[in-house]
Amino acid sequence: MKSIITKITVALFMLISFSGAANAQPEVPADFGAKGALKDSSITFDEALVYAIQDEYLAQARYDAVIAKFGNIRPFSNIKAAEQQHISALVALFQKYNKQIPEDNAK
């Protein structure tokens, strides 16, 4: 139990430390990813796919930045791998429905 608490504490400390650096990054456009989906009152299927993959691109970029700052350690490396699986699943949907896959410009 103590090991789990220690890992959670370290992870929280790292995220809090990283938040200052994250604030220095450019703000996400209002029409991008989940932020864009929340503002869109009539989302089409195509738009939903685009918003979803944009949000996964953002998450991937965030964990790339965390790993660059703190090293390729767990749980961040595991979460980054999960984000890549989400992107792969969405790419398969884009391909299935013959839709153009948006460029990853979340970096």
PDB file of N, CA and C in Angstrom:
ATOM      1  N   MET A   1       0.828  -1.191   0.000  1.00  0.00           N
ATOM      2  CA  MET A   1       0.000   0.000   0.000  1.00  0.00           C
ATOM      3  C   MET A   1       0.872   1.255   0.000  1.00  0.00           C
ATOM      4  N   LYS A   2       1.956   1.229   0.790  1.00  0.00           N
ATOM      5  CA  LYS A   2       2.840   2.388   0.856  1.00  0.00           C
ATOM      6  C   LYS A   2       3.472   2.661  -0.507  1.00  0.00           C
ATOM      7  N   SER A   3       3.785   1.590  -1.260  1.00  0.00           N
ATOM      8  CA  SER A   3       4.380   1.737  -2.586  1.00  0.00           C
ATOM      9  C   SER A   3       3.416   2.439  -3.542  1.00  0.00           C
ATOM     10  N   ILE A   4       2.160   2.096  -3.481  1.00  0.00           N
ATOM     11  CA  ILE A   4       1.156   2.727  -4.341  1.00  0.00           C
ATOM     12  C   ILE A   4       1.016   4.203  -3.996  1.00  0.00           C
ATOM     13  N   ILE A   5       0.958   4.516  -2.722  1.00  0.00           N
ATOM     14  CA  ILE A   5       0.835   5.913  -2.284  1.00  0.00           C
ATOM     15  C   ILE A   5       2.056   6.709  -2.732  1.00  0.00           C
ATOM     16  N   THR A   6       3.233   6.110  -2.611  1.00  0.00           N
ATOM     17  CA  THR A   6       4.455   6.780  -3.043  1.00  0.00           C
ATOM     18  C   THR A   6       4.408   7.056  -4.538  1.00  0.00           C
ATOM     19  N   LYS A   7       3.996   6.069  -5.345  1.00  0.00           N
ATOM     20  CA  LYS A   7       3.918   6.250  -6.795  1.00  0.00           C
ATOM     21  C   LYS A   7       2.914   7.326  -7.168  1.00  0.00           C
ATOM     22  N   ILE A   8       1.777   7.333  -6.508  1.00  0.00           N
ATOM     23  CA  ILE A   8       0.754   8.349  -6.783  1.00  0.00           C
ATOM     24  C   ILE A   8       1.285   9.730  -6.409  1.00  0.00           C
ATOM     25  N   THR A   9       1.947   9.832  -5.273  1.00  0.00           N
ATOM     26  CA  THR A   9       2.499  11.110  -4.835  1.00  0.00           C
ATOM     27  C   THR A   9       3.536  11.620  -5.827  1.00  0.00           C
ATOM     28  N   VAL A  10       4.424  10.746  -6.279  1.00  0.00           N
ATOM     29  CA  VAL A  10       5.448  11.136  -7.244  1.00  0.00           C
ATOM     30  C   VAL A  10       4.789  11.578  -8.553  1.00  0.00           C
ATOM     31  N   ALA A  11       3.792  10.824  -9.018  1.00  0.00           N
ATOM     32  CA  ALA A  11       3.100  11.176 -10.259  1.00  0.00           C
ATOM     33  C   ALA A  11       2.419  12.536 -10.139  1.00  0.00           C
ATOM     34  N   LEU A  12       1.758  12.778  -9.023  1.00  0.00           N
ATOM     35  CA  LEU A  12       1.099  14.070  -8.823  1.00  0.00           C
ATOM     36  C   LEU A  12       2.110  15.207  -8.767  1.00  0.00           C
ATOM     37  N   PHE A  13       3.208  14.985  -8.081  1.00  0.00           N
ATOM     38  CA  PHE A  13       4.258  15.997  -8.005  1.00  0.00           C
ATOM     39  C   PHE A  13       4.787  16.324  -9.398  1.00  0.00           C
ATOM     40  N   MET A  14       5.006  15.290 -10.190  1.00  0.00           N
ATOM     41  CA  MET A  14       5.526  15.498 -11.537  1.00  0.00           C
ATOM     42  C   MET A  14       4.522  16.263 -12.401  1.00  0.00           C
ATOM     43  N   LEU A  15       3.250  15.915 -12.291  1.00  0.00           N
ATOM     44  CA  LEU A  15       2.236  16.614 -13.077  1.00  0.00           C
ATOM     45  C   LEU A  15       2.117  18.074 -12.650  1.00  0.00           C
ATOM     46  N   ILE A  16       2.183  18.325 -11.362  1.00  0.00           N
ATOM     47  CA  ILE A  16       2.113  19.698 -10.870  1.00  0.00           C
ATOM     48  C   ILE A  16       3.332  20.479 -11.340  1.00  0.00           C
ATOM     49  N   SER A  17       4.500  19.859 -11.276  1.00  0.00           N
ATOM     50  CA  SER A  17       5.726  20.510 -11.738  1.00  0.00           C
ATOM     51  C   SER A  17       5.648  20.820 -13.225  1.00  0.00           C
ATOM     52  N   PHE A  18       5.064  19.895 -13.977  1.00  0.00           N
ATOM     53  CA  PHE A  18       4.969  20.059 -15.418  1.00  0.00           C
ATOM     54  C   PHE A  18       3.935  21.118 -15.798  1.00  0.00           C
ATOM     55  N   SER A  19       2.951  21.343 -14.962  1.00  0.00           N
ATOM     56  CA  SER A  19       1.871  22.267 -15.325  1.00  0.00           C
ATOM     57  C   SER A  19       2.385  23.670 -15.606  1.00  0.00           C
ATOM     58  N   GLY A  20       3.430  24.093 -14.954  1.00  0.00           N
ATOM     59  CA  GLY A  20       4.015  25.398 -15.247  1.00  0.00           C
ATOM     60  C   GLY A  20       4.562  25.458 -16.655  1.00  0.00           C
ATOM     61  N   ALA A  21       5.201  24.394 -17.089  1.00  0.00           N
ATOM     62  CA  ALA A  21       5.725  24.340 -18.454  1.00  0.00           C
ATOM     63  C   ALA A  21       4.593  24.248 -19.459  1.00  0.00           C
ATOM     64  N   ALA A  22       3.533  23.547 -19.100  1.00  0.00           N
ATOM     65  CA  ALA A  22       2.396  23.409 -20.007  1.00  0.00           C
ATOM     66  C   ALA A  22       1.729  24.752 -20.247  1.00  0.00           C
ATOM     67  N   ASN A  23       1.731  25.613 -19.236  1.00  0.00           N
ATOM     68  CA  ASN A  23       1.112  26.922 -19.385  1.00  0.00           C
ATOM     69  C   ASN A  23       1.888  27.798 -20.361  1.00  0.00           C
ATOM     70  N   ALA A  24       3.155  27.503 -20.570  1.00  0.00           N
ATOM     71  CA  ALA A  24       3.967  28.294 -21.479  1.00  0.00           C
ATOM     72  C   ALA A  24       3.710  27.923 -22.937  1.00  0.00           C
ATOM     73  N   GLN A  25       3.056  26.776 -23.163  1.00  0.00           N
ATOM     74  CA  GLN A  25       2.761  26.344 -24.516  1.00  0.00           C
ATOM     75  C   GLN A  25       1.591  27.149 -25.076  1.00  0.00           C
ATOM     76  N   PRO A  26       1.510  27.239 -26.402  1.00  0.00           N
ATOM     77  CA  PRO A  26       0.389  27.961 -27.009  1.00  0.00           C
ATOM     78  C   PRO A  26      -0.941  27.320 -26.614  1.00  0.00           C
ATOM     79  N   GLU A  27      -1.947  28.148 -26.508  1.00  0.00           N
ATOM     80  CA  GLU A  27      -3.272  27.658 -26.149  1.00  0.00           C
ATOM     81  C   GLU A  27      -3.874  26.880 -27.320  1.00  0.00           C
ATOM     82  N   VAL A  28      -4.636  25.858 -26.979  1.00  0.00           N
ATOM     83  CA  VAL A  28      -5.307  25.043 -27.983  1.00  0.00           C
ATOM     84  C   VAL A  28      -6.426  25.876 -28.610  1.00  0.00           C
ATOM     85  N   PRO A  29      -6.521  25.890 -29.937  1.00  0.00           N
ATOM     86  CA  PRO A  29      -7.604  26.637 -30.579  1.00  0.00           C
ATOM     87  C   PRO A  29      -8.978  26.167 -30.091  1.00  0.00           C
ATOM     88  N   ALA A  30      -9.932  27.066 -30.069  1.00  0.00           N
ATOM     89  CA  ALA A  30     -11.271  26.766 -29.554  1.00  0.00           C
ATOM     90  C   ALA A  30     -12.011  25.740 -30.405  1.00  0.00           C
ATOM     91  N   ASP A  31     -11.596  25.552 -31.645  1.00  0.00           N
ATOM     92  CA  ASP A  31     -12.298  24.612 -32.521  1.00  0.00           C
ATOM     93  C   ASP A  31     -11.513  23.312 -32.719  1.00  0.00           C
ATOM     94  N   PHE A  32     -10.672  22.956 -31.774  1.00  0.00           N
ATOM     95  CA  PHE A  32      -9.771  21.801 -31.905  1.00  0.00           C
ATOM     96  C   PHE A  32     -10.068  20.774 -30.817  1.00  0.00           C
ATOM     97  N   GLY A  33     -10.136  19.504 -31.177  1.00  0.00           N
ATOM     98  CA  GLY A  33     -10.282  18.425 -30.207  1.00  0.00           C
ATOM     99  C   GLY A  33     -11.561  18.502 -29.396  1.00  0.00           C
ATOM    100  N   ALA A  34     -11.481  18.055 -28.162  1.00  0.00           N
ATOM    101  CA  ALA A  34     -12.658  18.026 -27.281  1.00  0.00           C
ATOM    102  C   ALA A  34     -13.199  19.426 -27.043  1.00  0.00           C
ATOM    103  N   LYS A  35     -12.296  20.397 -26.975  1.00  0.00           N
ATOM    104  CA  LYS A  35     -12.709  21.793 -26.781  1.00  0.00           C
ATOM    105  C   LYS A  35     -13.609  22.237 -27.934  1.00  0.00           C
ATOM    106  N   GLY A  36     -13.245  21.885 -29.138  1.00  0.00           N
ATOM    107  CA  GLY A  36     -14.057  22.215 -30.303  1.00  0.00           C
ATOM    108  C   GLY A  36     -15.371  21.466 -30.311  1.00  0.00           C
ATOM    109  N   ALA A  37     -15.330  20.189 -29.930  1.00  0.00           N
ATOM    110  CA  ALA A  37     -16.553  19.381 -29.913  1.00  0.00           C
ATOM    111  C   ALA A  37     -17.569  19.939 -28.920  1.00  0.00           C
ATOM    112  N   LEU A  38     -17.098  20.422 -27.793  1.00  0.00           N
ATOM    113  CA  LEU A  38     -18.010  20.977 -26.788  1.00  0.00           C
ATOM    114  C   LEU A  38     -18.694  22.254 -27.274  1.00  0.00           C
ATOM    115  N   LYS A  39     -18.037  22.983 -28.150  1.00  0.00           N
ATOM    116  CA  LYS A  39     -18.620  24.236 -28.659  1.00  0.00           C
ATOM    117  C   LYS A  39     -19.475  24.020 -29.901  1.00  0.00           C
ATOM    118  N   ASP A  40     -19.369  22.845 -30.505  1.00  0.00           N
ATOM    119  CA  ASP A  40     -20.096  22.549 -31.746  1.00  0.00           C
ATOM    120  C   ASP A  40     -21.477  21.997 -31.404  1.00  0.00           C
ATOM    121  N   SER A  41     -22.513  22.711 -31.787  1.00  0.00           N
ATOM    122  CA  SER A  41     -23.876  22.313 -31.396  1.00  0.00           C
ATOM    123  C   SER A  41     -24.501  21.289 -32.339  1.00  0.00           C
ATOM    124  N   SER A  42     -23.883  21.033 -33.466  1.00  0.00           N
ATOM    125  CA  SER A  42     -24.447  20.040 -34.406  1.00  0.00           C
ATOM    126  C   SER A  42     -23.316  19.271 -35.082  1.00  0.00           C
ATOM    127  N   ILE A  43     -22.744  18.353 -34.357  1.00  0.00           N
ATOM    128  CA  ILE A  43     -21.582  17.604 -34.837  1.00  0.00           C
ATOM    129  C   ILE A  43     -22.019  16.509 -35.807  1.00  0.00           C
ATOM    130  N   THR A  44     -21.381  16.483 -36.959  1.00  0.00           N
ATOM    131  CA  THR A  44     -21.605  15.408 -37.916  1.00  0.00           C
ATOM    132  C   THR A  44     -20.665  14.248 -37.574  1.00  0.00           C
ATOM    133  N   PHE A  45     -20.879  13.126 -38.204  1.00  0.00           N
ATOM    134  CA  PHE A  45     -20.013  11.966 -38.000  1.00  0.00           C
ATOM    135  C   PHE A  45     -18.566  12.305 -38.373  1.00  0.00           C
ATOM    136  N   ASP A  46     -18.409  12.955 -39.530  1.00  0.00           N
ATOM    137  CA  ASP A  46     -17.064  13.315 -39.985  1.00  0.00           C
ATOM    138  C   ASP A  46     -16.373  14.244 -38.988  1.00  0.00           C
ATOM    139  N   GLU A  47     -17.106  15.226 -38.483  1.00  0.00           N
ATOM    140  CA  GLU A  47     -16.537  16.160 -37.507  1.00  0.00           C
ATOM    141  C   GLU A  47     -16.192  15.439 -36.206  1.00  0.00           C
ATOM    142  N   ALA A  48     -17.036  14.509 -35.793  1.00  0.00           N
ATOM    143  CA  ALA A  48     -16.774  13.755 -34.568  1.00  0.00           C
ATOM    144  C   ALA A  48     -15.464  12.984 -34.679  1.00  0.00           C
ATOM    145  N   LEU A  49     -15.233  12.373 -35.839  1.00  0.00           N
ATOM    146  CA  LEU A  49     -13.972  11.658 -36.043  1.00  0.00           C
ATOM    147  C   LEU A  49     -12.785  12.616 -35.956  1.00  0.00           C
ATOM    148  N   VAL A  50     -12.921  13.777 -36.587  1.00  0.00           N
ATOM    149  CA  VAL A  50     -11.822  14.752 -36.577  1.00  0.00           C
ATOM    150  C   VAL A  50     -11.566  15.256 -35.159  1.00  0.00           C
ATOM    151  N   TYR A  51     -12.623  15.647 -34.435  1.00  0.00           N
ATOM    152  CA  TYR A  51     -12.451  16.120 -33.057  1.00  0.00           C
ATOM    153  C   TYR A  51     -11.792  15.034 -32.197  1.00  0.00           C
ATOM    154  N   ALA A  52     -12.227  13.787 -32.381  1.00  0.00           N
ATOM    155  CA  ALA A  52     -11.698  12.687 -31.566  1.00  0.00           C
ATOM    156  C   ALA A  52     -10.204  12.484 -31.808  1.00  0.00           C
ATOM    157  N   ILE A  53      -9.792  12.445 -33.071  1.00  0.00           N
ATOM    158  CA  ILE A  53      -8.370  12.199 -33.333  1.00  0.00           C
ATOM    159  C   ILE A  53      -7.537  13.418 -32.941  1.00  0.00           C
ATOM    160  N   GLN A  54      -8.073  14.619 -33.097  1.00  0.00           N
ATOM    161  CA  GLN A  54      -7.350  15.813 -32.648  1.00  0.00           C
ATOM    162  C   GLN A  54      -7.101  15.744 -31.141  1.00  0.00           C
ATOM    163  N   ASP A  55      -8.104  15.312 -30.392  1.00  0.00           N
ATOM    164  CA  ASP A  55      -7.954  15.221 -28.946  1.00  0.00           C
ATOM    165  C   ASP A  55      -6.916  14.166 -28.565  1.00  0.00           C
ATOM    166  N   GLU A  56      -6.886  13.072 -29.300  1.00  0.00           N
ATOM    167  CA  GLU A  56      -5.867  12.049 -29.048  1.00  0.00           C
ATOM    168  C   GLU A  56      -4.479  12.564 -29.418  1.00  0.00           C
ATOM    169  N   TYR A  57      -4.386  13.332 -30.497  1.00  0.00           N
ATOM    170  CA  TYR A  57      -3.106  13.951 -30.855  1.00  0.00           C
ATOM    171  C   TYR A  57      -2.625  14.874 -29.726  1.00  0.00           C
ATOM    172  N   LEU A  58      -3.552  15.649 -29.162  1.00  0.00           N
ATOM    173  CA  LEU A  58      -3.196  16.541 -28.051  1.00  0.00           C
ATOM    174  C   LEU A  58      -2.687  15.751 -26.852  1.00  0.00           C
ATOM    175  N   ALA A  59      -3.399  14.690 -26.503  1.00  0.00           N
ATOM    176  CA  ALA A  59      -2.989  13.869 -25.356  1.00  0.00           C
ATOM    177  C   ALA A  59      -1.608  13.269 -25.604  1.00  0.00           C
ATOM    178  N   GLN A  60      -1.389  12.773 -26.811  1.00  0.00           N
ATOM    179  CA  GLN A  60      -0.087  12.194 -27.161  1.00  0.00           C
ATOM    180  C   GLN A  60       1.008  13.256 -27.014  1.00  0.00           C
ATOM    181  N   ALA A  61       0.753  14.457 -27.495  1.00  0.00           N
ATOM    182  CA  ALA A  61       1.743  15.542 -27.411  1.00  0.00           C
ATOM    183  C   ALA A  61       2.029  15.906 -25.957  1.00  0.00           C
ATOM    184  N   ARG A  62       0.994  15.908 -25.127  1.00  0.00           N
ATOM    185  CA  ARG A  62       1.201  16.216 -23.702  1.00  0.00           C
ATOM    186  C   ARG A  62       2.118  15.189 -23.055  1.00  0.00           C
ATOM    187  N   TYR A  63       1.869  13.910 -23.326  1.00  0.00           N
ATOM    188  CA  TYR A  63       2.708  12.877 -22.715  1.00  0.00           C
ATOM    189  C   TYR A  63       4.093  12.844 -23.328  1.00  0.00           C
ATOM    190  N   ASP A  64       4.235  13.216 -24.587  1.00  0.00           N
ATOM    191  CA  ASP A  64       5.574  13.365 -25.170  1.00  0.00           C
ATOM    192  C   ASP A  64       6.352  14.423 -24.392  1.00  0.00           C
ATOM    193  N   ALA A  65       5.677  15.531 -24.072  1.00  0.00           N
ATOM    194  CA  ALA A  65       6.330  16.621 -23.326  1.00  0.00           C
ATOM    195  C   ALA A  65       6.667  16.188 -21.903  1.00  0.00           C
ATOM    196  N   VAL A  66       5.765  15.466 -21.257  1.00  0.00           N
ATOM    197  CA  VAL A  66       6.024  14.982 -19.893  1.00  0.00           C
ATOM    198  C   VAL A  66       7.226  14.045 -19.896  1.00  0.00           C
ATOM    199  N   ILE A  67       7.252  13.128 -20.862  1.00  0.00           N
ATOM    200  CA  ILE A  67       8.352  12.163 -20.944  1.00  0.00           C
ATOM    201  C   ILE A  67       9.669  12.872 -21.276  1.00  0.00           C
ATOM    202  N   ALA A  68       9.608  13.888 -22.115  1.00  0.00           N
ATOM    203  CA  ALA A  68      10.824  14.649 -22.432  1.00  0.00           C
ATOM    204  C   ALA A  68      11.379  15.321 -21.182  1.00  0.00           C
ATOM    205  N   LYS A  69      10.485  15.755 -20.306  1.00  0.00           N
ATOM    206  CA  LYS A  69      10.934  16.455 -19.097  1.00  0.00           C
ATOM    207  C   LYS A  69      11.365  15.486 -17.987  1.00  0.00           C
ATOM    208  N   PHE A  70      10.617  14.397 -17.798  1.00  0.00           N
ATOM    209  CA  PHE A  70      10.855  13.520 -16.649  1.00  0.00           C
ATOM    210  C   PHE A  70      11.429  12.150 -16.993  1.00  0.00           C
ATOM    211  N   GLY A  71      11.536  11.846 -18.271  1.00  0.00           N
ATOM    212  CA  GLY A  71      12.065  10.549 -18.672  1.00  0.00           C
ATOM    213  C   GLY A  71      10.950   9.572 -19.017  1.00  0.00           C
ATOM    214  N   ASN A  72      11.332   8.519 -19.687  1.00  0.00           N
ATOM    215  CA  ASN A  72      10.380   7.506 -20.143  1.00  0.00           C
ATOM    216  C   ASN A  72      10.066   6.541 -18.994  1.00  0.00           C
ATOM    217  N   ILE A  73       9.264   7.033 -18.047  1.00  0.00           N
ATOM    218  CA  ILE A  73       8.935   6.257 -16.855  1.00  0.00           C
ATOM    219  C   ILE A  73       7.438   6.007 -16.777  1.00  0.00           C
ATOM    220  N   ARG A  74       7.091   4.984 -16.014  1.00  0.00           N
ATOM    221  CA  ARG A  74       5.678   4.693 -15.780  1.00  0.00           C
ATOM    222  C   ARG A  74       5.128   5.662 -14.751  1.00  0.00           C
ATOM    223  N   PRO A  75       3.914   6.045 -14.805  1.00  0.00           N
ATOM    224  CA  PRO A  75       2.840   5.591 -15.689  1.00  0.00           C
ATOM    225  C   PRO A  75       2.778   6.345 -17.002  1.00  0.00           C
ATOM    226  N   PHE A  76       3.642   7.359 -17.182  1.00  0.00           N
ATOM    227  CA  PHE A  76       3.542   8.205 -18.362  1.00  0.00           C
ATOM    228  C   PHE A  76       3.807   7.437 -19.652  1.00  0.00           C
ATOM    229  N   SER A  77       4.777   6.536 -19.632  1.00  0.00           N
ATOM    230  CA  SER A  77       5.058   5.750 -20.838  1.00  0.00           C
ATOM    231  C   SER A  77       3.873   4.844 -21.180  1.00  0.00           C
ATOM    232  N   ASN A  78       3.211   4.306 -20.164  1.00  0.00           N
ATOM    233  CA  ASN A  78       2.031   3.465 -20.403  1.00  0.00           C
ATOM    234  C   ASN A  78       0.878   4.282 -20.982  1.00  0.00           C
ATOM    235  N   ILE A  79       0.676   5.476 -20.458  1.00  0.00           N
ATOM    236  CA  ILE A  79      -0.413   6.333 -20.937  1.00  0.00           C
ATOM    237  C   ILE A  79      -0.134   6.767 -22.372  1.00  0.00           C
ATOM    238  N   LYS A  80       1.123   7.083 -22.673  1.00  0.00           N
ATOM    239  CA  LYS A  80       1.477   7.463 -24.039  1.00  0.00           C
ATOM    240  C   LYS A  80       1.170   6.316 -25.000  1.00  0.00           C
ATOM    241  N   ALA A  81       1.481   5.099 -24.604  1.00  0.00           N
ATOM    242  CA  ALA A  81       1.191   3.929 -25.445  1.00  0.00           C
ATOM    243  C   ALA A  81      -0.320   3.765 -25.642  1.00  0.00           C
ATOM    244  N   ALA A  82      -1.082   4.021 -24.595  1.00  0.00           N
ATOM    245  CA  ALA A  82      -2.540   3.934 -24.697  1.00  0.00           C
ATOM    246  C   ALA A  82      -3.078   4.985 -25.671  1.00  0.00           C
ATOM    247  N   GLU A  83      -2.522   6.193 -25.617  1.00  0.00           N
ATOM    248  CA  GLU A  83      -2.954   7.251 -26.544  1.00  0.00           C
ATOM    249  C   GLU A  83      -2.674   6.825 -27.986  1.00  0.00           C
ATOM    250  N   GLN A  84      -1.542   6.175 -28.208  1.00  0.00           N
ATOM    251  CA  GLN A  84      -1.217   5.710 -29.563  1.00  0.00           C
ATOM    252  C   GLN A  84      -2.207   4.641 -30.017  1.00  0.00           C
ATOM    253  N   GLN A  85      -2.651   3.787 -29.102  1.00  0.00           N
ATOM    254  CA  GLN A  85      -3.667   2.783 -29.449  1.00  0.00           C
ATOM    255  C   GLN A  85      -4.984   3.455 -29.828  1.00  0.00           C
ATOM    256  N   HIS A  86      -5.337   4.517 -29.122  1.00  0.00           N
ATOM    257  CA  HIS A  86      -6.561   5.260 -29.444  1.00  0.00           C
ATOM    258  C   HIS A  86      -6.451   5.870 -30.842  1.00  0.00           C
ATOM    259  N   ILE A  87      -5.290   6.451 -31.136  1.00  0.00           N
ATOM    260  CA  ILE A  87      -5.068   7.045 -32.461  1.00  0.00           C
ATOM    261  C   ILE A  87      -5.180   5.965 -33.536  1.00  0.00           C
ATOM    262  N   SER A  88      -4.583   4.815 -33.297  1.00  0.00           N
ATOM    263  CA  SER A  88      -4.634   3.717 -34.266  1.00  0.00           C
ATOM    264  C   SER A  88      -6.065   3.254 -34.514  1.00  0.00           C
ATOM    265  N   ALA A  89      -6.862   3.188 -33.461  1.00  0.00           N
ATOM    266  CA  ALA A  89      -8.263   2.786 -33.603  1.00  0.00           C
ATOM    267  C   ALA A  89      -9.039   3.815 -34.425  1.00  0.00           C
ATOM    268  N   LEU A  90      -8.763   5.085 -34.193  1.00  0.00           N
ATOM    269  CA  LEU A  90      -9.433   6.132 -34.961  1.00  0.00           C
ATOM    270  C   LEU A  90      -8.968   6.131 -36.419  1.00  0.00           C
ATOM    271  N   VAL A  91      -7.691   5.894 -36.656  1.00  0.00           N
ATOM    272  CA  VAL A  91      -7.177   5.807 -38.030  1.00  0.00           C
ATOM    273  C   VAL A  91      -7.910   4.693 -38.777  1.00  0.00           C
ATOM    274  N   ALA A  92      -8.145   3.577 -38.113  1.00  0.00           N
ATOM    275  CA  ALA A  92      -8.878   2.474 -38.741  1.00  0.00           C
ATOM    276  C   ALA A  92     -10.296   2.912 -39.139  1.00  0.00           C
ATOM    277  N   LEU A  93     -10.933   3.738 -38.306  1.00  0.00           N
ATOM    278  CA  LEU A  93     -12.266   4.246 -38.650  1.00  0.00           C
ATOM    279  C   LEU A  93     -12.200   5.207 -39.837  1.00  0.00           C
ATOM    280  N   PHE A  94     -11.208   6.075 -39.849  1.00  0.00           N
ATOM    281  CA  PHE A  94     -11.038   6.980 -40.988  1.00  0.00           C
ATOM    282  C   PHE A  94     -10.875   6.168 -42.274  1.00  0.00           C
ATOM    283  N   GLN A  95     -10.090   5.113 -42.204  1.00  0.00           N
ATOM    284  CA  GLN A  95      -9.859   4.280 -43.380  1.00  0.00           C
ATOM    285  C   GLN A  95     -11.114   3.512 -43.776  1.00  0.00           C
ATOM    286  N   LYS A  96     -11.817   2.987 -42.796  1.00  0.00           N
ATOM    287  CA  LYS A  96     -13.039   2.214 -43.068  1.00  0.00           C
ATOM    288  C   LYS A  96     -14.072   3.064 -43.801  1.00  0.00           C
ATOM    289  N   TYR A  97     -14.208   4.310 -43.405  1.00  0.00           N
ATOM    290  CA  TYR A  97     -15.204   5.195 -44.006  1.00  0.00           C
ATOM    291  C   TYR A  97     -14.615   6.099 -45.089  1.00  0.00           C
ATOM    292  N   ASN A  98     -13.388   5.783 -45.507  1.00  0.00           N
ATOM    293  CA  ASN A  98     -12.729   6.489 -46.599  1.00  0.00           C
ATOM    294  C   ASN A  98     -12.691   8.004 -46.370  1.00  0.00           C
ATOM    295  N   LYS A  99     -12.257   8.381 -45.174  1.00  0.00           N
ATOM    296  CA  LYS A  99     -12.134   9.790 -44.796  1.00  0.00           C
ATOM    297  C   LYS A  99     -10.655  10.145 -44.710  1.00  0.00           C
ATOM    298  N   GLN A 100     -10.343  11.396 -45.015  1.00  0.00           N
ATOM    299  CA  GLN A 100      -8.960  11.858 -44.931  1.00  0.00           C
ATOM    300  C   GLN A 100      -8.546  11.987 -43.469  1.00  0.00           C
ATOM    301  N   ILE A 101      -7.397  11.423 -43.129  1.00  0.00           N
ATOM    302  CA  ILE A 101      -6.885  11.479 -41.752  1.00  0.00           C
ATOM    303  C   ILE A 101      -6.226  12.844 -41.542  1.00  0.00           C
ATOM    304  N   PRO A 102      -6.691  13.594 -40.532  1.00  0.00           N
ATOM    305  CA  PRO A 102      -6.100  14.920 -40.288  1.00  0.00           C
ATOM    306  C   PRO A 102      -4.629  14.809 -39.882  1.00  0.00           C
ATOM    307  N   GLU A 103      -3.877  15.806 -40.274  1.00  0.00           N
ATOM    308  CA  GLU A 103      -2.468  15.883 -39.898  1.00  0.00           C
ATOM    309  C   GLU A 103      -2.362  16.093 -38.392  1.00  0.00           C
ATOM    310  N   ASP A 104      -1.354  15.482 -37.813  1.00  0.00           N
ATOM    311  CA  ASP A 104      -1.092  15.671 -36.382  1.00  0.00           C
ATOM    312  C   ASP A 104      -0.293  16.957 -36.212  1.00  0.00           C
ATOM    313  N   ASN A 105      -0.989  18.045 -35.890  1.00  0.00           N
ATOM    314  CA  ASN A 105      -0.298  19.313 -35.665  1.00  0.00           C
ATOM    315  C   ASN A 105      -0.513  19.798 -34.227  1.00  0.00           C
ATOM    316  N   ALA A 106      -0.694  18.831 -33.321  1.00  0.00           N
ATOM    317  CA  ALA A 106      -0.924  19.158 -31.910  1.00  0.00           C
ATOM    318  C   ALA A 106       0.359  19.473 -31.174  1.00  0.00           C
ATOM    319  N   LYS A 107       1.492  19.229 -31.758  1.00  0.00           N
ATOM    320  CA  LYS A 107       2.760  19.437 -31.079  1.00  0.00           C
ATOM    321  C   LYS A 107       2.963  20.912 -30.811  1.00  0.00           C
TER     322      LYS A 107
END
